[in-house]
C-alpha atoms as a PDB file:
ATOM      1  CA  UNK A   1     -46.563-216.898  74.834  1.00  0.00           C
ATOM      2  CA  UNK A   2     -43.085-216.793  73.338  1.00  0.00           C
ATOM      3  CA  UNK A   3     -42.814-213.872  70.934  1.00  0.00           C
ATOM      4  CA  UNK A   4     -40.044-212.996  68.478  1.00  0.00           C
ATOM      5  CA  UNK A   5     -39.773-209.339  67.421  1.00  0.00           C
ATOM      6  CA  UNK A   6     -37.215-208.336  64.802  1.00  0.00           C
ATOM      7  CA  UNK A   7     -35.859-204.804  64.788  1.00  0.00           C
ATOM      8  CA  UNK A   8     -36.666-204.487  68.466  1.00  0.00           C
ATOM      9  CA  UNK A   9     -34.218-201.782  69.561  1.00  0.00           C
ATOM     10  CA  UNK A  10     -36.002-198.734  68.182  1.00  0.00           C
ATOM     11  CA  UNK A  11     -39.217-197.314  66.817  1.00  0.00           C
ATOM     12  CA  UNK A  12     -42.087-199.607  65.945  1.00  0.00           C
ATOM     13  CA  UNK A  13     -40.208-202.782  66.911  1.00  0.00           C
ATOM     14  CA  UNK A  14     -39.365-201.491  70.381  1.00  0.00           C
ATOM     15  CA  UNK A  15     -42.969-200.368  70.893  1.00  0.00           C
ATOM     16  CA  UNK A  16     -44.264-203.795  69.866  1.00  0.00           C
ATOM     17  CA  UNK A  17     -41.805-205.664  72.081  1.00  0.00           C
ATOM     18  CA  UNK A  18     -42.733-203.413  75.017  1.00  0.00           C
ATOM     19  CA  UNK A  19     -46.458-203.992  74.399  1.00  0.00           C
ATOM     20  CA  UNK A  20     -46.025-207.757  74.638  1.00  0.00           C
ATOM     21  CA  UNK A  21     -43.825-207.464  77.718  1.00  0.00           C
ATOM     22  CA  UNK A  22     -46.376-205.212  79.407  1.00  0.00           C
ATOM     23  CA  UNK A  23     -48.931-207.964  78.850  1.00  0.00           C
ATOM     24  CA  UNK A  24     -46.787-210.673  80.431  1.00  0.00           C
ATOM     25  CA  UNK A  25     -45.346-212.404  77.376  1.00  0.00           C
ATOM     26  CA  UNK A  26     -41.817-213.706  76.892  1.00  0.00           C
ATOM     27  CA  UNK A  27     -40.105-211.658  74.183  1.00  0.00           C
ATOM     28  CA  UNK A  28     -37.018-212.396  72.105  1.00  0.00           C
ATOM     29  CA  UNK A  29     -35.601-209.448  70.179  1.00  0.00           C
ATOM     30  CA  UNK A  30     -33.349-209.371  67.121  1.00  0.00           C
ATOM     31  CA  UNK A  31     -31.571-206.179  66.091  1.00  0.00           C
ATOM     32  CA  UNK A  32     -28.228-205.119  64.656  1.00  0.00           C
ATOM     33  CA  UNK A  33     -28.059-202.631  67.547  1.00  0.00           C
ATOM     34  CA  UNK A  34     -27.718-203.420  71.237  1.00  0.00           C
ATOM     35  CA  UNK A  35     -30.719-203.882  73.498  1.00  0.00           C
ATOM     36  CA  UNK A  36     -32.635-200.823  74.624  1.00  0.00           C
ATOM     37  CA  UNK A  37     -35.221-202.780  76.639  1.00  0.00           C
ATOM     38  CA  UNK A  38     -34.550-203.916  80.196  1.00  0.00           C
ATOM     39  CA  UNK A  39     -36.986-206.580  81.337  1.00  0.00           C
ATOM     40  CA  UNK A  40     -36.471-210.013  82.886  1.00  0.00           C
ATOM     41  CA  UNK A  41     -38.785-211.506  80.235  1.00  0.00           C
ATOM     42  CA  UNK A  42     -36.761-210.032  77.377  1.00  0.00           C
ATOM     43  CA  UNK A  43     -33.811-211.720  75.657  1.00  0.00           C
ATOM     44  CA  UNK A  44     -31.845-209.815  73.041  1.00  0.00           C
ATOM     45  CA  UNK A  45     -29.734-211.040  70.144  1.00  0.00           C
ATOM     46  CA  UNK A  46     -27.521-208.714  68.132  1.00  0.00           C
ATOM     47  CA  UNK A  47     -28.531-210.256  64.850  1.00  0.00           C
ATOM     48  CA  UNK A  48     -28.729-209.412  61.155  1.00  0.00           C
ATOM     49  CA  UNK A  49     -31.869-211.134  59.868  1.00  0.00           C
ATOM     50  CA  UNK A  50     -30.064-212.059  56.635  1.00  0.00           C
ATOM     51  CA  UNK A  51     -27.486-214.190  58.441  1.00  0.00           C
ATOM     52  CA  UNK A  52     -27.576-217.601  60.100  1.00  0.00           C
ATOM     53  CA  UNK A  53     -30.146-217.452  62.865  1.00  0.00           C
ATOM     54  CA  UNK A  54     -29.986-218.979  66.358  1.00  0.00           C
ATOM     55  CA  UNK A  55     -31.963-222.099  67.177  1.00  0.00           C
ATOM     56  CA  UNK A  56     -34.982-221.099  69.269  1.00  0.00           C
ATOM     57  CA  UNK A  57     -37.703-223.647  69.964  1.00  0.00           C
ATOM     58  CA  UNK A  58     -41.478-223.257  70.014  1.00  0.00           C
ATOM     59  CA  UNK A  59     -41.961-219.606  69.097  1.00  0.00           C
ATOM     60  CA  UNK A  60     -45.685-218.812  69.196  1.00  0.00           C
ATOM     61  CA  UNK A  61     -45.750-215.379  67.559  1.00  0.00           C
ATOM     62  CA  UNK A  62     -43.384-213.844  65.013  1.00  0.00           C
ATOM     63  CA  UNK A  63     -43.415-210.099  64.438  1.00  0.00           C
ATOM     64  CA  UNK A  64     -41.390-209.358  61.306  1.00  0.00           C
ATOM     65  CA  UNK A  65     -40.570-205.690  61.799  1.00  0.00           C
ATOM     66  CA  UNK A  66     -36.874-205.274  60.950  1.00  0.00           C
ATOM     67  CA  UNK A  67     -36.226-203.282  57.823  1.00  0.00           C
ATOM     68  CA  UNK A  68     -34.213-200.600  56.085  1.00  0.00           C
ATOM     69  CA  UNK A  69     -34.984-197.764  53.713  1.00  0.00           C
ATOM     70  CA  UNK A  70     -33.037-197.198  50.502  1.00  0.00           C
ATOM     71  CA  UNK A  71     -30.212-199.494  51.606  1.00  0.00           C
ATOM     72  CA  UNK A  72     -30.229-203.126  50.389  1.00  0.00           C
ATOM     73  CA  UNK A  73     -34.008-203.028  50.761  1.00  0.00           C
ATOM     74  CA  UNK A  74     -34.860-206.254  48.948  1.00  0.00           C
ATOM     75  CA  UNK A  75     -32.115-208.225  50.699  1.00  0.00           C
ATOM     76  CA  UNK A  76     -33.118-207.019  54.172  1.00  0.00           C
ATOM     77  CA  UNK A  77     -36.828-206.246  54.023  1.00  0.00           C
ATOM     78  CA  UNK A  78     -37.888-209.174  51.865  1.00  0.00           C
ATOM     79  CA  UNK A  79     -35.185-211.846  51.868  1.00  0.00           C
ATOM     80  CA  UNK A  80     -34.317-211.266  55.529  1.00  0.00           C
ATOM     81  CA  UNK A  81     -37.968-211.483  56.502  1.00  0.00           C
ATOM     82  CA  UNK A  82     -38.330-214.729  54.576  1.00  0.00           C
ATOM     83  CA  UNK A  83     -35.187-216.055  56.288  1.00  0.00           C
ATOM     84  CA  UNK A  84     -36.633-215.406  59.759  1.00  0.00           C
ATOM     85  CA  UNK A  85     -40.108-216.716  59.000  1.00  0.00           C
ATOM     86  CA  UNK A  86     -38.973-219.964  57.391  1.00  0.00           C
ATOM     87  CA  UNK A  87     -36.565-220.608  60.274  1.00  0.00           C
ATOM     88  CA  UNK A  88     -39.142-220.298  63.051  1.00  0.00           C
ATOM     89  CA  UNK A  89     -42.400-221.658  61.624  1.00  0.00           C
ATOM     90  CA  UNK A  90     -43.397-224.594  63.817  1.00  0.00           C
ATOM     91  CA  UNK A  91     -46.476-226.564  64.817  1.00  0.00           C
ATOM     92  CA  UNK A  92     -46.974-224.345  67.884  1.00  0.00           C
ATOM     93  CA  UNK A  93     -47.131-221.112  65.882  1.00  0.00           C
ATOM     94  CA  UNK A  94     -50.198-218.981  66.621  1.00  0.00           C
ATOM     95  CA  UNK A  95     -49.647-215.878  64.540  1.00  0.00           C
ATOM     96  CA  UNK A  96     -47.181-214.166  62.224  1.00  0.00           C
ATOM     97  CA  UNK A  97     -47.329-210.419  61.644  1.00  0.00           C
ATOM     98  CA  UNK A  98     -45.425-208.562  58.949  1.00  0.00           C
ATOM     99  CA  UNK A  99     -44.754-204.832  59.168  1.00  0.00           C
ATOM    100  CA  UNK A 100     -44.970-203.719  55.553  1.00  0.00           C
ATOM    101  CA  UNK A 101     -45.629-200.162  54.354  1.00  0.00           C
ATOM    102  CA  UNK A 102     -48.295-198.067  52.683  1.00  0.00           C
ATOM    103  CA  UNK A 103     -45.914-197.918  49.729  1.00  0.00           C
ATOM    104  CA  UNK A 104     -46.679-201.602  49.149  1.00  0.00           C
ATOM    105  CA  UNK A 105     -50.029-200.494  47.738  1.00  0.00           C
ATOM    106  CA  UNK A 106     -49.244-196.967  46.503  1.00  0.00           C
ATOM    107  CA  UNK A 107     -45.746-197.517  45.075  1.00  0.00           C
ATOM    108  CA  UNK A 108     -44.837-194.058  46.359  1.00  0.00           C
ATOM    109  CA  UNK A 109     -41.336-194.542  47.740  1.00  0.00           C
ATOM    110  CA  UNK A 110     -37.814-195.476  46.725  1.00  0.00           C
ATOM    111  CA  UNK A 111     -38.184-198.152  44.002  1.00  0.00           C
ATOM    112  CA  UNK A 112     -36.555-201.075  45.825  1.00  0.00           C
ATOM    113  CA  UNK A 113     -38.251-200.137  49.090  1.00  0.00           C
ATOM    114  CA  UNK A 114     -41.702-200.168  47.514  1.00  0.00           C
ATOM    115  CA  UNK A 115     -40.908-203.434  45.739  1.00  0.00           C
ATOM    116  CA  UNK A 116     -39.575-205.047  48.913  1.00  0.00           C
ATOM    117  CA  UNK A 117     -42.654-204.124  50.948  1.00  0.00           C
ATOM    118  CA  UNK A 118     -44.984-205.233  48.162  1.00  0.00           C
ATOM    119  CA  UNK A 119     -43.163-208.543  48.248  1.00  0.00           C
ATOM    120  CA  UNK A 120     -43.640-208.755  52.012  1.00  0.00           C
ATOM    121  CA  UNK A 121     -47.421-208.416  51.620  1.00  0.00           C
ATOM    122  CA  UNK A 122     -47.523-211.139  48.962  1.00  0.00           C
ATOM    123  CA  UNK A 123     -45.295-213.406  51.066  1.00  0.00           C
ATOM    124  CA  UNK A 124     -47.620-212.817  54.038  1.00  0.00           C
ATOM    125  CA  UNK A 125     -50.469-214.309  51.984  1.00  0.00           C
ATOM    126  CA  UNK A 126     -48.309-217.308  51.086  1.00  0.00           C
ATOM    127  CA  UNK A 127     -47.653-217.866  54.797  1.00  0.00           C
ATOM    128  CA  UNK A 128     -51.375-217.557  55.591  1.00  0.00           C
ATOM    129  CA  UNK A 129     -52.037-220.456  53.217  1.00  0.00           C
ATOM    130  CA  UNK A 130     -49.285-222.570  54.739  1.00  0.00           C
ATOM    131  CA  UNK A 131     -49.916-222.086  58.480  1.00  0.00           C
ATOM    132  CA  UNK A 132     -53.688-222.438  58.324  1.00  0.00           C
ATOM    133  CA  UNK A 133     -53.228-226.140  59.120  1.00  0.00           C
ATOM    134  CA  UNK A 134     -52.032-225.078  62.583  1.00  0.00           C
ATOM    135  CA  UNK A 135     -55.052-222.828  63.103  1.00  0.00           C
ATOM    136  CA  UNK A 136     -52.637-219.890  62.923  1.00  0.00           C
ATOM    137  CA  UNK A 137     -53.067-216.465  61.339  1.00  0.00           C
ATOM    138  CA  UNK A 138     -50.799-214.416  59.099  1.00  0.00           C
ATOM    139  CA  UNK A 139     -51.445-210.720  58.465  1.00  0.00           C
ATOM    140  CA  UNK A 140     -49.526-207.562  57.674  1.00  0.00           C
ATOM    141  CA  UNK A 141     -49.670-203.962  58.798  1.00  0.00           C
ATOM    142  CA  UNK A 142     -48.835-201.216  56.311  1.00  0.00           C
ATOM    143  CA  UNK A 143     -48.072-197.967  58.137  1.00  0.00           C
ATOM    144  CA  UNK A 144     -47.903-194.642  56.397  1.00  0.00           C
ATOM    145  CA  UNK A 145     -45.922-191.932  58.160  1.00  0.00           C
ATOM    146  CA  UNK A 146     -44.789-192.876  61.670  1.00  0.00           C
ATOM    147  CA  UNK A 147     -42.951-190.688  64.175  1.00  0.00           C
ATOM    148  CA  UNK A 148     -39.636-192.574  64.390  1.00  0.00           C
ATOM    149  CA  UNK A 149     -35.984-191.658  64.074  1.00  0.00           C
ATOM    150  CA  UNK A 150     -35.817-192.983  60.498  1.00  0.00           C
ATOM    151  CA  UNK A 151     -37.998-189.983  59.587  1.00  0.00           C
ATOM    152  CA  UNK A 152     -35.978-187.508  61.659  1.00  0.00           C
ATOM    153  CA  UNK A 153     -35.047-185.316  58.688  1.00  0.00           C
ATOM    154  CA  UNK A 154     -38.760-184.733  58.011  1.00  0.00           C
ATOM    155  CA  UNK A 155     -39.759-184.321  61.649  1.00  0.00           C
ATOM    156  CA  UNK A 156     -36.980-181.751  62.165  1.00  0.00           C
ATOM    157  CA  UNK A 157     -38.058-179.670  59.157  1.00  0.00           C
ATOM    158  CA  UNK A 158     -41.248-177.636  59.754  1.00  0.00           C
ATOM    159  CA  UNK A 159     -41.634-177.192  55.983  1.00  0.00           C
ATOM    160  CA  UNK A 160     -41.338-180.901  55.134  1.00  0.00           C
ATOM    161  CA  UNK A 161     -43.432-182.003  58.099  1.00  0.00           C
ATOM    162  CA  UNK A 162     -46.257-179.634  57.176  1.00  0.00           C
ATOM    163  CA  UNK A 163     -46.060-180.888  53.595  1.00  0.00           C
ATOM    164  CA  UNK A 164     -46.382-184.566  54.552  1.00  0.00           C
ATOM    165  CA  UNK A 165     -49.172-183.893  57.054  1.00  0.00           C
ATOM    166  CA  UNK A 166     -51.105-182.094  54.331  1.00  0.00           C
ATOM    167  CA  UNK A 167     -51.066-185.365  52.378  1.00  0.00           C
ATOM    168  CA  UNK A 168     -53.209-187.026  55.083  1.00  0.00           C
ATOM    169  CA  UNK A 169     -56.896-186.634  55.879  1.00  0.00           C
ATOM    170  CA  UNK A 170     -56.333-186.471  59.639  1.00  0.00           C
ATOM    171  CA  UNK A 171     -53.358-184.097  59.390  1.00  0.00           C
ATOM    172  CA  UNK A 172     -51.105-186.280  61.503  1.00  0.00           C
ATOM    173  CA  UNK A 173     -48.727-189.224  61.537  1.00  0.00           C
ATOM    174  CA  UNK A 174     -49.042-192.290  63.748  1.00  0.00           C
ATOM    175  CA  UNK A 175     -46.828-192.938  66.744  1.00  0.00           C
ATOM    176  CA  UNK A 176     -45.119-196.320  67.221  1.00  0.00           C
ATOM    177  CA  UNK A 177     -47.420-197.271  70.097  1.00  0.00           C
ATOM    178  CA  UNK A 178     -50.458-197.099  67.787  1.00  0.00           C
ATOM    179  CA  UNK A 179     -48.845-199.605  65.426  1.00  0.00           C
ATOM    180  CA  UNK A 180     -47.954-201.785  68.411  1.00  0.00           C
ATOM    181  CA  UNK A 181     -51.596-201.855  69.505  1.00  0.00           C
ATOM    182  CA  UNK A 182     -52.641-203.124  66.079  1.00  0.00           C
ATOM    183  CA  UNK A 183     -49.854-205.723  66.049  1.00  0.00           C
ATOM    184  CA  UNK A 184     -50.927-207.019  69.455  1.00  0.00           C
ATOM    185  CA  UNK A 185     -54.585-207.167  68.471  1.00  0.00           C
ATOM    186  CA  UNK A 186     -54.108-209.089  65.225  1.00  0.00           C
ATOM    187  CA  UNK A 187     -51.646-211.549  66.753  1.00  0.00           C
ATOM    188  CA  UNK A 188     -53.207-212.232  70.164  1.00  0.00           C
ATOM    189  CA  UNK A 189     -56.869-211.221  70.163  1.00  0.00           C
ATOM    190  CA  UNK A 190     -57.698-211.877  66.527  1.00  0.00           C
ATOM    191  CA  UNK A 191     -58.650-215.464  65.736  1.00  0.00           C
ATOM    192  CA  UNK A 192     -60.418-215.211  62.376  1.00  0.00           C
ATOM    193  CA  UNK A 193     -58.708-212.643  60.147  1.00  0.00           C
ATOM    194  CA  UNK A 194     -55.848-214.044  58.072  1.00  0.00           C
ATOM    195  CA  UNK A 195     -54.157-213.166  54.806  1.00  0.00           C
ATOM    196  CA  UNK A 196     -55.043-209.487  55.145  1.00  0.00           C
ATOM    197  CA  UNK A 197     -53.056-206.252  54.980  1.00  0.00           C
ATOM    198  CA  UNK A 198     -54.095-203.408  57.293  1.00  0.00           C
ATOM    199  CA  UNK A 199     -53.365-199.890  56.068  1.00  0.00           C
ATOM    200  CA  UNK A 200     -52.684-197.326  58.820  1.00  0.00           C
ATOM    201  CA  UNK A 201     -51.907-194.076  57.040  1.00  0.00           C
ATOM    202  CA  UNK A 202     -54.220-191.432  58.539  1.00  0.00           C
ATOM    203  CA  UNK A 203     -56.170-191.365  55.287  1.00  0.00           C
ATOM    204  CA  UNK A 204     -53.242-190.562  52.993  1.00  0.00           C
ATOM    205  CA  UNK A 205     -54.186-193.115  50.332  1.00  0.00           C
ATOM    206  CA  UNK A 206     -57.845-192.115  50.190  1.00  0.00           C
ATOM    207  CA  UNK A 207     -57.299-188.367  50.164  1.00  0.00           C
ATOM    208  CA  UNK A 208     -58.520-186.735  46.989  1.00  0.00           C
ATOM    209  CA  UNK A 209     -59.445-183.209  46.047  1.00  0.00           C
ATOM    210  CA  UNK A 210     -62.691-182.938  44.118  1.00  0.00           C
ATOM    211  CA  UNK A 211     -62.638-180.175  41.530  1.00  0.00           C
ATOM    212  CA  UNK A 212     -65.873-179.076  39.869  1.00  0.00           C
END
């Protein structure tokens, strides 16, 4: 299948693009940075998702991963994601996946970031309603902490890292490859789940301390 992955040069996006390539798919990557993947089935565009987008026919899967944190969040994370999705919806679409955030349900983040990711989850449901006529699915993944360079200041601080791990039940963060596995499953293997948000936060949201 022909797969579009935004934010494909680093972190979760790179892991997702690599997962699809490893399984024999054709992958198109968008990123404001240069390509970091070398594969004959990979084509890279240096592309801001807010700008005019190239014409690409018959995309089967869209993975909306590109995003920022505390820097024009609503314009990039929400409006940019809408720009990409509306451009490439077509009758041959099979699945659209949105990488949101646990803050979409907890609100625990920078204000515009939380709002932008909450908007992504709601927009995902709107897309699920609209692409059902094609037999296609639309779902989102909401990661909690993930080991990527955007979180480098936490990962490099033993004090901060211990503090954030203590907020989870499993005392760990996810790696990008775990998120990629979920993205692949819900876009390729899944045929019946649509309009749903999947929270992957190592139990951070559910953690509670019972005092008696």
